Amino acid sequence: MRPITDNELTVEDLAVRLREDDGIVVLDVREPWEVELCSIAQCIHIPLGQLPSAVAALPKDRDIAVLCHHGMRSAHATQWLRGQGFDRAINLAGGIDAWARRIDPTMKVY
């Protein structure tokens, strides 16, 4: 599968990339209480409000799939990251909700 756009990735494509272990980084920008409800094991968790102070921990030389609940906060984070030189930041379309509904139906939805 291919990204929806250069800035957006489907949950199906992310699942394939994680299975293939192609080096993609998954950044979860949700709040801690949301991550406690459900998460993708391979994620780096940095709440959106803390992203500016923690951005140095992220690699600029790898694709970064950014996720939130439905995709709005992660779209903002992706745009911000790209403005900071993270040209390989990609928004996860539909967020963790789409992941739970289409990839891992055992995952809790909220």
PDB file of N, CA and C in Angstrom:
ATOM      1  N   MET A   1       0.839  -1.186   0.000  1.00  0.00           N
ATOM      2  CA  MET A   1       0.000   0.000   0.000  1.00  0.00           C
ATOM      3  C   MET A   1       0.877   1.239   0.000  1.00  0.00           C
ATOM      4  N   ARG A   2       0.324   2.312  -0.521  1.00  0.00           N
ATOM      5  CA  ARG A   2       1.053   3.565  -0.567  1.00  0.00           C
ATOM      6  C   ARG A   2       0.376   4.597   0.314  1.00  0.00           C
ATOM      7  N   PRO A   3       1.147   5.599   0.732  1.00  0.00           N
ATOM      8  CA  PRO A   3       0.517   6.670   1.509  1.00  0.00           C
ATOM      9  C   PRO A   3      -0.626   7.308   0.737  1.00  0.00           C
ATOM     10  N   ILE A   4      -1.627   7.830   1.458  1.00  0.00           N
ATOM     11  CA  ILE A   4      -2.729   8.550   0.836  1.00  0.00           C
ATOM     12  C   ILE A   4      -2.186   9.784   0.114  1.00  0.00           C
ATOM     13  N   THR A   5      -1.313  10.505   0.772  1.00  0.00           N
ATOM     14  CA  THR A   5      -0.598  11.631   0.181  1.00  0.00           C
ATOM     15  C   THR A   5       0.830  11.542   0.685  1.00  0.00           C
ATOM     16  N   ASP A   6       1.654  12.496   0.291  1.00  0.00           N
ATOM     17  CA  ASP A   6       3.025  12.516   0.804  1.00  0.00           C
ATOM     18  C   ASP A   6       3.053  12.758   2.309  1.00  0.00           C
ATOM     19  N   ASN A   7       1.975  13.325   2.849  1.00  0.00           N
ATOM     20  CA  ASN A   7       1.930  13.671   4.266  1.00  0.00           C
ATOM     21  C   ASN A   7       1.037  12.752   5.078  1.00  0.00           C
ATOM     22  N   GLU A   8       0.436  11.728   4.460  1.00  0.00           N
ATOM     23  CA  GLU A   8      -0.540  10.905   5.173  1.00  0.00           C
ATOM     24  C   GLU A   8      -0.357   9.434   4.820  1.00  0.00           C
ATOM     25  N   LEU A   9      -0.524   8.586   5.834  1.00  0.00           N
ATOM     26  CA  LEU A   9      -0.315   7.158   5.709  1.00  0.00           C
ATOM     27  C   LEU A   9      -1.563   6.434   6.205  1.00  0.00           C
ATOM     28  N   THR A  10      -1.939   5.346   5.551  1.00  0.00           N
ATOM     29  CA  THR A  10      -3.080   4.552   6.023  1.00  0.00           C
ATOM     30  C   THR A  10      -2.631   3.620   7.147  1.00  0.00           C
ATOM     31  N   VAL A  11      -3.581   3.183   7.966  1.00  0.00           N
ATOM     32  CA  VAL A  11      -3.251   2.236   9.030  1.00  0.00           C
ATOM     33  C   VAL A  11      -2.799   0.899   8.439  1.00  0.00           C
ATOM     34  N   GLU A  12      -3.362   0.529   7.310  1.00  0.00           N
ATOM     35  CA  GLU A  12      -2.963  -0.719   6.655  1.00  0.00           C
ATOM     36  C   GLU A  12      -1.499  -0.655   6.217  1.00  0.00           C
ATOM     37  N   ASP A  13      -1.102   0.494   5.651  1.00  0.00           N
ATOM     38  CA  ASP A  13       0.281   0.651   5.216  1.00  0.00           C
ATOM     39  C   ASP A  13       1.218   0.638   6.419  1.00  0.00           C
ATOM     40  N   LEU A  14       0.825   1.295   7.504  1.00  0.00           N
ATOM     41  CA  LEU A  14       1.659   1.285   8.700  1.00  0.00           C
ATOM     42  C   LEU A  14       1.806  -0.135   9.237  1.00  0.00           C
ATOM     43  N   ALA A  15       0.741  -0.902   9.260  1.00  0.00           N
ATOM     44  CA  ALA A  15       0.803  -2.283   9.752  1.00  0.00           C
ATOM     45  C   ALA A  15       1.812  -3.100   8.949  1.00  0.00           C
ATOM     46  N   VAL A  16       1.802  -2.940   7.633  1.00  0.00           N
ATOM     47  CA  VAL A  16       2.753  -3.649   6.772  1.00  0.00           C
ATOM     48  C   VAL A  16       4.173  -3.209   7.099  1.00  0.00           C
ATOM     49  N   ARG A  17       4.365  -1.915   7.208  1.00  0.00           N
ATOM     50  CA  ARG A  17       5.709  -1.399   7.476  1.00  0.00           C
ATOM     51  C   ARG A  17       6.227  -1.852   8.836  1.00  0.00           C
ATOM     52  N   LEU A  18       5.367  -1.923   9.832  1.00  0.00           N
ATOM     53  CA  LEU A  18       5.795  -2.411  11.147  1.00  0.00           C
ATOM     54  C   LEU A  18       6.118  -3.904  11.097  1.00  0.00           C
ATOM     55  N   ARG A  19       5.313  -4.668  10.372  1.00  0.00           N
ATOM     56  CA  ARG A  19       5.592  -6.109  10.218  1.00  0.00           C
ATOM     57  C   ARG A  19       6.933  -6.324   9.525  1.00  0.00           C
ATOM     58  N   GLU A  20       7.202  -5.497   8.519  1.00  0.00           N
ATOM     59  CA  GLU A  20       8.449  -5.628   7.766  1.00  0.00           C
ATOM     60  C   GLU A  20       9.625  -5.006   8.502  1.00  0.00           C
ATOM     61  N   ASP A  21       9.354  -4.310   9.598  1.00  0.00           N
ATOM     62  CA  ASP A  21      10.394  -3.671  10.411  1.00  0.00           C
ATOM     63  C   ASP A  21      11.317  -2.826   9.531  1.00  0.00           C
ATOM     64  N   ASP A  22      10.706  -1.904   8.772  1.00  0.00           N
ATOM     65  CA  ASP A  22      11.476  -1.099   7.820  1.00  0.00           C
ATOM     66  C   ASP A  22      12.100   0.157   8.418  1.00  0.00           C
ATOM     67  N   GLY A  23      12.023   0.291   9.735  1.00  0.00           N
ATOM     68  CA  GLY A  23      12.671   1.420  10.387  1.00  0.00           C
ATOM     69  C   GLY A  23      11.772   2.607  10.649  1.00  0.00           C
ATOM     70  N   ILE A  24      10.497   2.519  10.287  1.00  0.00           N
ATOM     71  CA  ILE A  24       9.583   3.627  10.536  1.00  0.00           C
ATOM     72  C   ILE A  24       9.446   3.842  12.050  1.00  0.00           C
ATOM     73  N   VAL A  25       9.417   5.102  12.444  1.00  0.00           N
ATOM     74  CA  VAL A  25       9.216   5.484  13.841  1.00  0.00           C
ATOM     75  C   VAL A  25       7.752   5.863  13.990  1.00  0.00           C
ATOM     76  N   VAL A  26       7.100   5.402  15.052  1.00  0.00           N
ATOM     77  CA  VAL A  26       5.706   5.754  15.304  1.00  0.00           C
ATOM     78  C   VAL A  26       5.685   6.690  16.511  1.00  0.00           C
ATOM     79  N   LEU A  27       5.181   7.889  16.301  1.00  0.00           N
ATOM     80  CA  LEU A  27       5.103   8.913  17.343  1.00  0.00           C
ATOM     81  C   LEU A  27       3.653   9.126  17.733  1.00  0.00           C
ATOM     82  N   ASP A  28       3.335   8.872  18.985  1.00  0.00           N
ATOM     83  CA  ASP A  28       1.986   9.041  19.522  1.00  0.00           C
ATOM     84  C   ASP A  28       1.941  10.371  20.272  1.00  0.00           C
ATOM     85  N   VAL A  29       1.114  11.309  19.810  1.00  0.00           N
ATOM     86  CA  VAL A  29       1.047  12.641  20.425  1.00  0.00           C
ATOM     87  C   VAL A  29      -0.177  12.796  21.337  1.00  0.00           C
ATOM     88  N   ARG A  30      -0.826  11.682  21.692  1.00  0.00           N
ATOM     89  CA  ARG A  30      -1.981  11.751  22.588  1.00  0.00           C
ATOM     90  C   ARG A  30      -1.541  11.999  24.028  1.00  0.00           C
ATOM     91  N   GLU A  31      -2.515  12.308  24.857  1.00  0.00           N
ATOM     92  CA  GLU A  31      -2.266  12.536  26.276  1.00  0.00           C
ATOM     93  C   GLU A  31      -2.012  11.198  26.984  1.00  0.00           C
ATOM     94  N   PRO A  32      -1.296  11.227  28.130  1.00  0.00           N
ATOM     95  CA  PRO A  32      -0.987   9.973  28.831  1.00  0.00           C
ATOM     96  C   PRO A  32      -2.213   9.120  29.155  1.00  0.00           C
ATOM     97  N   TRP A  33      -3.324   9.728  29.554  1.00  0.00           N
ATOM     98  CA  TRP A  33      -4.515   8.939  29.883  1.00  0.00           C
ATOM     99  C   TRP A  33      -5.044   8.196  28.661  1.00  0.00           C
ATOM    100  N   GLU A  34      -4.844   8.772  27.469  1.00  0.00           N
ATOM    101  CA  GLU A  34      -5.292   8.099  26.246  1.00  0.00           C
ATOM    102  C   GLU A  34      -4.400   6.903  25.929  1.00  0.00           C
ATOM    103  N   VAL A  35      -3.113   7.075  26.129  1.00  0.00           N
ATOM    104  CA  VAL A  35      -2.166   5.993  25.864  1.00  0.00           C
ATOM    105  C   VAL A  35      -2.415   4.831  26.816  1.00  0.00           C
ATOM    106  N   GLU A  36      -2.823   5.132  28.051  1.00  0.00           N
ATOM    107  CA  GLU A  36      -3.145   4.064  29.001  1.00  0.00           C
ATOM    108  C   GLU A  36      -4.332   3.222  28.528  1.00  0.00           C
ATOM    109  N   LEU A  37      -5.255   3.832  27.796  1.00  0.00           N
ATOM    110  CA  LEU A  37      -6.421   3.094  27.298  1.00  0.00           C
ATOM    111  C   LEU A  37      -6.042   2.117  26.192  1.00  0.00           C
ATOM    112  N   CYS A  38      -5.200   2.566  25.276  1.00  0.00           N
ATOM    113  CA  CYS A  38      -4.777   1.728  24.154  1.00  0.00           C
ATOM    114  C   CYS A  38      -3.579   2.367  23.477  1.00  0.00           C
ATOM    115  N   SER A  39      -2.725   1.531  22.923  1.00  0.00           N
ATOM    116  CA  SER A  39      -1.563   2.056  22.209  1.00  0.00           C
ATOM    117  C   SER A  39      -0.972   0.986  21.310  1.00  0.00           C
ATOM    118  N   ILE A  40      -0.135   1.429  20.400  1.00  0.00           N
ATOM    119  CA  ILE A  40       0.636   0.537  19.548  1.00  0.00           C
ATOM    120  C   ILE A  40       1.974   0.349  20.251  1.00  0.00           C
ATOM    121  N   ALA A  41       2.376  -0.877  20.454  1.00  0.00           N
ATOM    122  CA  ALA A  41       3.559  -1.183  21.266  1.00  0.00           C
ATOM    123  C   ALA A  41       4.822  -0.460  20.812  1.00  0.00           C
ATOM    124  N   GLN A  42       4.993  -0.276  19.536  1.00  0.00           N
ATOM    125  CA  GLN A  42       6.240   0.280  19.009  1.00  0.00           C
ATOM    126  C   GLN A  42       6.322   1.803  19.082  1.00  0.00           C
ATOM    127  N   CYS A  43       5.371   2.462  19.732  1.00  0.00           N
ATOM    128  CA  CYS A  43       5.304   3.928  19.723  1.00  0.00           C
ATOM    129  C   CYS A  43       6.283   4.609  20.657  1.00  0.00           C
ATOM    130  N   ILE A  44       6.687   5.793  20.234  1.00  0.00           N
ATOM    131  CA  ILE A  44       7.326   6.765  21.109  1.00  0.00           C
ATOM    132  C   ILE A  44       6.190   7.690  21.523  1.00  0.00           C
ATOM    133  N   HIS A  45       6.032   7.924  22.810  1.00  0.00           N
ATOM    134  CA  HIS A  45       4.933   8.768  23.270  1.00  0.00           C
ATOM    135  C   HIS A  45       5.464  10.128  23.699  1.00  0.00           C
ATOM    136  N   ILE A  46       5.040  11.173  22.987  1.00  0.00           N
ATOM    137  CA  ILE A  46       5.329  12.555  23.359  1.00  0.00           C
ATOM    138  C   ILE A  46       4.027  13.325  23.172  1.00  0.00           C
ATOM    139  N   PRO A  47       3.356  13.717  24.262  1.00  0.00           N
ATOM    140  CA  PRO A  47       2.117  14.485  24.116  1.00  0.00           C
ATOM    141  C   PRO A  47       2.354  15.739  23.261  1.00  0.00           C
ATOM    142  N   LEU A  48       1.355  16.103  22.493  1.00  0.00           N
ATOM    143  CA  LEU A  48       1.473  17.225  21.565  1.00  0.00           C
ATOM    144  C   LEU A  48       2.025  18.481  22.234  1.00  0.00           C
ATOM    145  N   GLY A  49       1.553  18.803  23.433  1.00  0.00           N
ATOM    146  CA  GLY A  49       2.002  20.001  24.121  1.00  0.00           C
ATOM    147  C   GLY A  49       3.469  19.966  24.519  1.00  0.00           C
ATOM    148  N   GLN A  50       4.049  18.778  24.597  1.00  0.00           N
ATOM    149  CA  GLN A  50       5.455  18.629  24.975  1.00  0.00           C
ATOM    150  C   GLN A  50       6.370  18.446  23.769  1.00  0.00           C
ATOM    151  N   LEU A  51       5.794  18.351  22.590  1.00  0.00           N
ATOM    152  CA  LEU A  51       6.581  18.079  21.391  1.00  0.00           C
ATOM    153  C   LEU A  51       7.697  19.100  21.153  1.00  0.00           C
ATOM    154  N   PRO A  52       7.438  20.409  21.266  1.00  0.00           N
ATOM    155  CA  PRO A  52       8.527  21.356  21.011  1.00  0.00           C
ATOM    156  C   PRO A  52       9.755  21.149  21.912  1.00  0.00           C
ATOM    157  N   SER A  53       9.540  20.766  23.145  1.00  0.00           N
ATOM    158  CA  SER A  53      10.678  20.589  24.045  1.00  0.00           C
ATOM    159  C   SER A  53      11.339  19.214  23.903  1.00  0.00           C
ATOM    160  N   ALA A  54      10.693  18.279  23.237  1.00  0.00           N
ATOM    161  CA  ALA A  54      11.226  16.924  23.115  1.00  0.00           C
ATOM    162  C   ALA A  54      11.618  16.554  21.684  1.00  0.00           C
ATOM    163  N   VAL A  55      11.473  17.480  20.764  1.00  0.00           N
ATOM    164  CA  VAL A  55      11.688  17.184  19.345  1.00  0.00           C
ATOM    165  C   VAL A  55      13.108  16.704  19.043  1.00  0.00           C
ATOM    166  N   ALA A  56      14.077  17.113  19.818  1.00  0.00           N
ATOM    167  CA  ALA A  56      15.461  16.708  19.566  1.00  0.00           C
ATOM    168  C   ALA A  56      15.664  15.198  19.696  1.00  0.00           C
ATOM    169  N   ALA A  57      14.751  14.517  20.371  1.00  0.00           N
ATOM    170  CA  ALA A  57      14.857  13.064  20.548  1.00  0.00           C
ATOM    171  C   ALA A  57      14.430  12.288  19.303  1.00  0.00           C
ATOM    172  N   LEU A  58      13.857  12.974  18.330  1.00  0.00           N
ATOM    173  CA  LEU A  58      13.347  12.300  17.134  1.00  0.00           C
ATOM    174  C   LEU A  58      14.375  12.315  16.006  1.00  0.00           C
ATOM    175  N   PRO A  59      14.427  11.229  15.224  1.00  0.00           N
ATOM    176  CA  PRO A  59      15.382  11.174  14.110  1.00  0.00           C
ATOM    177  C   PRO A  59      14.856  11.915  12.874  1.00  0.00           C
ATOM    178  N   LYS A  60      15.724  12.654  12.221  1.00  0.00           N
ATOM    179  CA  LYS A  60      15.337  13.338  10.980  1.00  0.00           C
ATOM    180  C   LYS A  60      15.578  12.466   9.750  1.00  0.00           C
ATOM    181  N   ASP A  61      16.285  11.366   9.926  1.00  0.00           N
ATOM    182  CA  ASP A  61      16.667  10.533   8.786  1.00  0.00           C
ATOM    183  C   ASP A  61      15.782   9.293   8.614  1.00  0.00           C
ATOM    184  N   ARG A  62      14.641   9.245   9.334  1.00  0.00           N
ATOM    185  CA  ARG A  62      13.724   8.111   9.209  1.00  0.00           C
ATOM    186  C   ARG A  62      12.298   8.633   9.048  1.00  0.00           C
ATOM    187  N   ASP A  63      11.438   7.809   8.441  1.00  0.00           N
ATOM    188  CA  ASP A  63      10.022   8.159   8.375  1.00  0.00           C
ATOM    189  C   ASP A  63       9.456   8.140   9.792  1.00  0.00           C
ATOM    190  N   ILE A  64       8.610   9.132  10.098  1.00  0.00           N
ATOM    191  CA  ILE A  64       7.953   9.211  11.397  1.00  0.00           C
ATOM    192  C   ILE A  64       6.448   9.256  11.148  1.00  0.00           C
ATOM    193  N   ALA A  65       5.751   8.193  11.521  1.00  0.00           N
ATOM    194  CA  ALA A  65       4.289   8.161  11.429  1.00  0.00           C
ATOM    195  C   ALA A  65       3.745   8.748  12.722  1.00  0.00           C
ATOM    196  N   VAL A  66       2.986   9.828  12.616  1.00  0.00           N
ATOM    197  CA  VAL A  66       2.467  10.533  13.781  1.00  0.00           C
ATOM    198  C   VAL A  66       0.999  10.162  13.955  1.00  0.00           C
ATOM    199  N   LEU A  67       0.634   9.781  15.196  1.00  0.00           N
ATOM    200  CA  LEU A  67      -0.752   9.391  15.428  1.00  0.00           C
ATOM    201  C   LEU A  67      -1.328  10.062  16.662  1.00  0.00           C
ATOM    202  N   CYS A  68      -2.646  10.189  16.647  1.00  0.00           N
ATOM    203  CA  CYS A  68      -3.424  10.655  17.797  1.00  0.00           C
ATOM    204  C   CYS A  68      -4.700   9.818  17.822  1.00  0.00           C
ATOM    205  N   HIS A  69      -5.781  10.360  18.348  1.00  0.00           N
ATOM    206  CA  HIS A  69      -7.027   9.597  18.436  1.00  0.00           C
ATOM    207  C   HIS A  69      -7.663   9.394  17.057  1.00  0.00           C
ATOM    208  N   HIS A  70      -7.963  10.477  16.352  1.00  0.00           N
ATOM    209  CA  HIS A  70      -8.605  10.384  15.041  1.00  0.00           C
ATOM    210  C   HIS A  70      -7.795  10.976  13.894  1.00  0.00           C
ATOM    211  N   GLY A  71      -6.722  11.684  14.190  1.00  0.00           N
ATOM    212  CA  GLY A  71      -5.865  12.206  13.131  1.00  0.00           C
ATOM    213  C   GLY A  71      -5.741  13.710  13.047  1.00  0.00           C
ATOM    214  N   MET A  72      -6.476  14.446  13.874  1.00  0.00           N
ATOM    215  CA  MET A  72      -6.410  15.910  13.801  1.00  0.00           C
ATOM    216  C   MET A  72      -5.167  16.457  14.507  1.00  0.00           C
ATOM    217  N   ARG A  73      -4.943  16.061  15.753  1.00  0.00           N
ATOM    218  CA  ARG A  73      -3.747  16.531  16.470  1.00  0.00           C
ATOM    219  C   ARG A  73      -2.483  16.070  15.758  1.00  0.00           C
ATOM    220  N   SER A  74      -2.508  14.850  15.274  1.00  0.00           N
ATOM    221  CA  SER A  74      -1.317  14.340  14.590  1.00  0.00           C
ATOM    222  C   SER A  74      -1.080  15.065  13.272  1.00  0.00           C
ATOM    223  N   ALA A  75      -2.138  15.517  12.614  1.00  0.00           N
ATOM    224  CA  ALA A  75      -1.966  16.319  11.392  1.00  0.00           C
ATOM    225  C   ALA A  75      -1.269  17.633  11.725  1.00  0.00           C
ATOM    226  N   HIS A  76      -1.668  18.254  12.832  1.00  0.00           N
ATOM    227  CA  HIS A  76      -1.003  19.490  13.266  1.00  0.00           C
ATOM    228  C   HIS A  76       0.449  19.216  13.638  1.00  0.00           C
ATOM    229  N   ALA A  77       0.680  18.124  14.355  1.00  0.00           N
ATOM    230  CA  ALA A  77       2.043  17.763  14.750  1.00  0.00           C
ATOM    231  C   ALA A  77       2.905  17.478  13.526  1.00  0.00           C
ATOM    232  N   THR A  78       2.350  16.785  12.544  1.00  0.00           N
ATOM    233  CA  THR A  78       3.087  16.483  11.318  1.00  0.00           C
ATOM    234  C   THR A  78       3.481  17.763  10.603  1.00  0.00           C
ATOM    235  N   GLN A  79       2.536  18.677  10.479  1.00  0.00           N
ATOM    236  CA  GLN A  79       2.819  19.959   9.829  1.00  0.00           C
ATOM    237  C   GLN A  79       3.912  20.713  10.588  1.00  0.00           C
ATOM    238  N   TRP A  80       3.823  20.735  11.910  1.00  0.00           N
ATOM    239  CA  TRP A  80       4.815  21.423  12.727  1.00  0.00           C
ATOM    240  C   TRP A  80       6.181  20.766  12.564  1.00  0.00           C
ATOM    241  N   LEU A  81       6.228  19.424  12.629  1.00  0.00           N
ATOM    242  CA  LEU A  81       7.492  18.706  12.465  1.00  0.00           C
ATOM    243  C   LEU A  81       8.130  18.998  11.116  1.00  0.00           C
ATOM    244  N   ARG A  82       7.334  19.001  10.079  1.00  0.00           N
ATOM    245  CA  ARG A  82       7.872  19.307   8.745  1.00  0.00           C
ATOM    246  C   ARG A  82       8.464  20.716   8.713  1.00  0.00           C
ATOM    247  N   GLY A  83       7.838  21.638   9.416  1.00  0.00           N
ATOM    248  CA  GLY A  83       8.369  22.999   9.511  1.00  0.00           C
ATOM    249  C   GLY A  83       9.670  23.071  10.282  1.00  0.00           C
ATOM    250  N   GLN A  84       9.938  22.059  11.100  1.00  0.00           N
ATOM    251  CA  GLN A  84      11.175  21.985  11.875  1.00  0.00           C
ATOM    252  C   GLN A  84      12.251  21.154  11.168  1.00  0.00           C
ATOM    253  N   GLY A  85      11.995  20.776   9.929  1.00  0.00           N
ATOM    254  CA  GLY A  85      12.980  20.025   9.163  1.00  0.00           C
ATOM    255  C   GLY A  85      12.799  18.519   9.162  1.00  0.00           C
ATOM    256  N   PHE A  86      11.710  18.034   9.727  1.00  0.00           N
ATOM    257  CA  PHE A  86      11.416  16.599   9.719  1.00  0.00           C
ATOM    258  C   PHE A  86      10.589  16.292   8.465  1.00  0.00           C
ATOM    259  N   ASP A  87      11.268  16.298   7.329  1.00  0.00           N
ATOM    260  CA  ASP A  87      10.599  16.153   6.037  1.00  0.00           C
ATOM    261  C   ASP A  87       9.949  14.796   5.844  1.00  0.00           C
ATOM    262  N   ARG A  88      10.281  13.848   6.688  1.00  0.00           N
ATOM    263  CA  ARG A  88       9.740  12.495   6.550  1.00  0.00           C
ATOM    264  C   ARG A  88       8.637  12.202   7.562  1.00  0.00           C
ATOM    265  N   ALA A  89       8.109  13.246   8.199  1.00  0.00           N
ATOM    266  CA  ALA A  89       6.963  13.076   9.108  1.00  0.00           C
ATOM    267  C   ALA A  89       5.705  12.841   8.286  1.00  0.00           C
ATOM    268  N   ILE A  90       4.889  11.862   8.715  1.00  0.00           N
ATOM    269  CA  ILE A  90       3.689  11.455   7.982  1.00  0.00           C
ATOM    270  C   ILE A  90       2.547  11.291   8.982  1.00  0.00           C
ATOM    271  N   ASN A  91       1.396  11.871   8.699  1.00  0.00           N
ATOM    272  CA  ASN A  91       0.229  11.733   9.558  1.00  0.00           C
ATOM    273  C   ASN A  91      -0.424  10.365   9.343  1.00  0.00           C
ATOM    274  N   LEU A  92      -0.811   9.705  10.433  1.00  0.00           N
ATOM    275  CA  LEU A  92      -1.539   8.440  10.333  1.00  0.00           C
ATOM    276  C   LEU A  92      -3.027   8.750  10.201  1.00  0.00           C
ATOM    277  N   ALA A  93      -3.573   8.539   9.032  1.00  0.00           N
ATOM    278  CA  ALA A  93      -4.977   8.842   8.751  1.00  0.00           C
ATOM    279  C   ALA A  93      -5.890   8.003   9.648  1.00  0.00           C
ATOM    280  N   GLY A  94      -6.788   8.671  10.361  1.00  0.00           N
ATOM    281  CA  GLY A  94      -7.752   7.975  11.216  1.00  0.00           C
ATOM    282  C   GLY A  94      -7.250   7.663  12.606  1.00  0.00           C
ATOM    283  N   GLY A  95      -5.960   7.827  12.844  1.00  0.00           N
ATOM    284  CA  GLY A  95      -5.385   7.658  14.168  1.00  0.00           C
ATOM    285  C   GLY A  95      -5.548   6.275  14.774  1.00  0.00           C
ATOM    286  N   ILE A  96      -5.429   6.235  16.093  1.00  0.00           N
ATOM    287  CA  ILE A  96      -5.511   4.975  16.835  1.00  0.00           C
ATOM    288  C   ILE A  96      -6.908   4.362  16.712  1.00  0.00           C
ATOM    289  N   ASP A  97      -7.915   5.198  16.490  1.00  0.00           N
ATOM    290  CA  ASP A  97      -9.268   4.680  16.319  1.00  0.00           C
ATOM    291  C   ASP A  97      -9.350   3.810  15.061  1.00  0.00           C
ATOM    292  N   ALA A  98      -8.791   4.290  13.957  1.00  0.00           N
ATOM    293  CA  ALA A  98      -8.783   3.505  12.720  1.00  0.00           C
ATOM    294  C   ALA A  98      -7.939   2.247  12.894  1.00  0.00           C
ATOM    295  N   TRP A  99      -6.827   2.363  13.617  1.00  0.00           N
ATOM    296  CA  TRP A  99      -5.979   1.196  13.881  1.00  0.00           C
ATOM    297  C   TRP A  99      -6.783   0.128  14.623  1.00  0.00           C
ATOM    298  N   ALA A 100      -7.484   0.538  15.674  1.00  0.00           N
ATOM    299  CA  ALA A 100      -8.260  -0.410  16.469  1.00  0.00           C
ATOM    300  C   ALA A 100      -9.386  -1.040  15.652  1.00  0.00           C
ATOM    301  N   ARG A 101     -10.024  -0.280  14.826  1.00  0.00           N
ATOM    302  CA  ARG A 101     -11.172  -0.793  14.061  1.00  0.00           C
ATOM    303  C   ARG A 101     -10.763  -1.651  12.872  1.00  0.00           C
ATOM    304  N   ARG A 102      -9.615  -1.338  12.250  1.00  0.00           N
ATOM    305  CA  ARG A 102      -9.250  -2.018  11.002  1.00  0.00           C
ATOM    306  C   ARG A 102      -8.045  -2.947  11.111  1.00  0.00           C
ATOM    307  N   ILE A 103      -7.208  -2.750  12.121  1.00  0.00           N
ATOM    308  CA  ILE A 103      -6.005  -3.583  12.246  1.00  0.00           C
ATOM    309  C   ILE A 103      -6.065  -4.483  13.466  1.00  0.00           C
ATOM    310  N   ASP A 104      -6.414  -3.937  14.617  1.00  0.00           N
ATOM    311  CA  ASP A 104      -6.422  -4.699  15.862  1.00  0.00           C
ATOM    312  C   ASP A 104      -7.776  -4.556  16.564  1.00  0.00           C
ATOM    313  N   PRO A 105      -8.762  -5.370  16.162  1.00  0.00           N
ATOM    314  CA  PRO A 105     -10.106  -5.247  16.761  1.00  0.00           C
ATOM    315  C   PRO A 105     -10.164  -5.638  18.230  1.00  0.00           C
ATOM    316  N   THR A 106      -9.086  -6.187  18.798  1.00  0.00           N
ATOM    317  CA  THR A 106      -9.048  -6.489  20.224  1.00  0.00           C
ATOM    318  C   THR A 106      -8.700  -5.237  21.046  1.00  0.00           C
ATOM    319  N   MET A 107      -8.233  -4.199  20.375  1.00  0.00           N
ATOM    320  CA  MET A 107      -7.828  -2.976  21.049  1.00  0.00           C
ATOM    321  C   MET A 107      -9.049  -2.197  21.508  1.00  0.00           C
ATOM    322  N   LYS A 108      -8.940  -1.613  22.692  1.00  0.00           N
ATOM    323  CA  LYS A 108     -10.023  -0.799  23.226  1.00  0.00           C
ATOM    324  C   LYS A 108     -10.194   0.469  22.388  1.00  0.00           C
ATOM    325  N   VAL A 109     -11.441   0.850  22.129  1.00  0.00           N
ATOM    326  CA  VAL A 109     -11.736   2.111  21.455  1.00  0.00           C
ATOM    327  C   VAL A 109     -12.385   3.059  22.447  1.00  0.00           C
ATOM    328  N   TYR A 110     -12.217   4.336  22.201  1.00  0.00           N
ATOM    329  CA  TYR A 110     -12.797   5.334  23.100  1.00  0.00           C
ATOM    330  C   TYR A 110     -13.258   6.532  22.303  1.00  0.00           C
TER     331      TYR A 110
END
